[in-house]
Amino acid sequence: ATFVTRLERVTMCYKAGLQAARVLRGDDIRQLKLGYSLGRSAAASIVLRGRKDPSLYPCRFATFTDYKEHVFEDWQRSRPTDFHPASVSQSFYSETEARAFCKGAGLTDLP
């Protein structure tokens, strides 16, 4: 396994936010999914665009249970796998990483 430093993780999160902004503007359709694991649950999930009323977004969730109904087509399942095509979101292991994503996406801070 390759060790990823905290600075590298924060940088990846910021770049994922930049890409999410491109998706929200309609300039691209690909979301940058973060490719590292710390072997623990996410501390925060950010939804920039979800499957519900647009006035709800952007928003932040602390639990997967709350997050999943905003971004998955099959959210009723205990382990959903089918992201809603319009959703733009990411989960993070720390608030710092979530904040970096939000900054990259053009937000001034966490929602």
Protein backbone atom coordinates (compact mmCIF):
# COMPACT_ATOMS: atom_id res chain seq x y z
CA ALA A 1 0.00 0.00 0.00
CA THR A 2 1.18 3.49 -0.82
CA PHE A 3 1.26 5.97 2.04
CA VAL A 4 -0.57 9.22 1.30
CA THR A 5 0.35 12.19 3.48
CA ARG A 6 -2.25 14.50 4.95
CA LEU A 7 -1.08 17.30 2.64
CA GLU A 8 -1.50 15.01 -0.38
CA ARG A 9 -5.01 14.08 0.77
CA VAL A 10 -5.99 17.74 1.22
CA THR A 11 -4.56 18.56 -2.22
CA MET A 12 -6.55 15.70 -3.79
CA CYS A 13 -9.71 16.97 -2.08
CA TYR A 14 -9.16 20.49 -3.39
CA LYS A 15 -8.66 19.14 -6.94
CA ALA A 16 -11.82 17.05 -6.57
CA GLY A 17 -13.63 20.28 -5.66
CA LEU A 18 -12.27 22.02 -8.77
CA GLN A 19 -13.55 19.12 -10.88
CA ALA A 20 -16.92 19.17 -9.10
CA ALA A 21 -17.25 22.86 -10.02
CA ARG A 22 -16.66 21.94 -13.69
CA VAL A 23 -19.43 19.35 -13.45
CA LEU A 24 -21.82 21.83 -11.82
CA ARG A 25 -21.13 24.37 -14.60
CA GLY A 26 -21.77 21.73 -17.25
CA ASP A 27 -18.17 21.85 -18.53
CA ASP A 28 -17.55 18.16 -17.77
CA ILE A 29 -19.48 15.09 -16.63
CA ARG A 30 -16.71 13.23 -14.79
CA GLN A 31 -16.41 13.52 -11.04
CA LEU A 32 -13.01 12.94 -9.49
CA LYS A 33 -13.47 10.17 -6.94
CA LEU A 34 -10.81 10.12 -4.27
CA GLY A 35 -8.66 7.01 -4.36
CA TYR A 36 -7.41 6.52 -0.83
CA SER A 37 -8.73 4.78 2.24
CA LEU A 38 -7.90 5.24 5.88
CA GLY A 39 -9.90 2.20 6.95
CA ARG A 40 -12.51 4.18 8.84
CA SER A 41 -15.85 5.80 8.19
CA ALA A 42 -16.14 9.20 6.61
CA ALA A 43 -16.33 12.16 8.99
CA ALA A 44 -18.28 14.36 6.58
CA SER A 45 -20.05 14.05 3.25
CA ILE A 46 -20.63 17.12 1.10
CA VAL A 47 -23.46 17.21 -1.43
CA LEU A 48 -23.19 20.06 -3.94
CA ARG A 49 -26.12 18.78 -6.03
CA GLY A 50 -28.41 15.94 -5.09
CA ARG A 51 -31.53 14.15 -6.22
CA LYS A 52 -33.92 16.21 -4.10
CA ASP A 53 -35.06 19.85 -4.22
CA PRO A 54 -32.17 22.10 -5.37
CA SER A 55 -32.80 24.50 -2.46
CA LEU A 56 -31.37 21.84 -0.10
CA TYR A 57 -27.86 22.08 -1.59
CA PRO A 58 -25.04 22.49 -0.89
CA CYS A 59 -25.23 20.60 2.38
CA ARG A 60 -23.12 18.46 4.71
CA PHE A 61 -23.91 15.13 6.37
CA ALA A 62 -22.13 13.41 9.23
CA THR A 63 -23.62 9.95 8.63
CA PHE A 64 -23.87 7.72 5.58
CA THR A 65 -27.52 7.02 6.41
CA ASP A 66 -28.41 10.70 5.98
CA TYR A 67 -26.13 11.21 2.97
CA LYS A 68 -27.24 8.23 0.88
CA GLU A 69 -30.82 9.34 0.26
CA HIS A 70 -29.54 12.52 -1.40
CA VAL A 71 -27.13 10.92 -3.87
CA PHE A 72 -28.14 7.31 -4.61
CA GLU A 73 -30.93 6.03 -6.86
CA ASP A 74 -31.14 2.87 -4.74
CA TRP A 75 -30.85 4.69 -1.40
CA GLN A 76 -33.37 2.40 0.33
CA ARG A 77 -30.85 -0.47 0.21
CA SER A 78 -28.50 -0.84 3.16
CA ARG A 79 -25.50 -0.66 0.78
CA PRO A 80 -26.55 1.40 -2.24
CA THR A 81 -24.30 1.41 -5.31
CA ASP A 82 -26.19 3.37 -7.97
CA PHE A 83 -25.39 7.10 -7.81
CA HIS A 84 -28.08 9.43 -9.12
CA PRO A 85 -26.74 10.87 -12.41
CA ALA A 86 -27.33 14.47 -11.34
CA SER A 87 -25.66 14.18 -7.94
CA VAL A 88 -22.31 15.82 -7.25
CA SER A 89 -20.85 14.81 -3.91
CA GLN A 90 -17.87 13.46 -2.02
CA SER A 91 -17.13 11.96 1.41
CA PHE A 92 -14.12 12.84 3.57
CA TYR A 93 -12.18 11.50 6.53
CA SER A 94 -11.67 14.94 8.07
CA GLU A 95 -13.26 18.36 8.21
CA THR A 96 -10.05 19.82 6.74
CA GLU A 97 -10.41 17.61 3.65
CA ALA A 98 -14.12 18.51 3.33
CA ARG A 99 -13.24 22.20 3.61
CA ALA A 100 -10.57 21.86 0.87
CA PHE A 101 -13.15 20.24 -1.43
CA CYS A 102 -15.63 23.05 -0.76
CA LYS A 103 -13.00 25.72 -1.45
CA GLY A 104 -12.09 23.99 -4.72
CA ALA A 105 -15.77 23.88 -5.66
CA GLY A 106 -16.08 27.63 -5.11
CA LEU A 107 -17.76 27.70 -1.70
CA THR A 108 -16.38 30.04 0.94
CA ASP A 109 -16.57 27.36 3.66
CA LEU A 110 -18.39 24.20 4.68
CA PRO A 111 -22.14 24.29 4.13
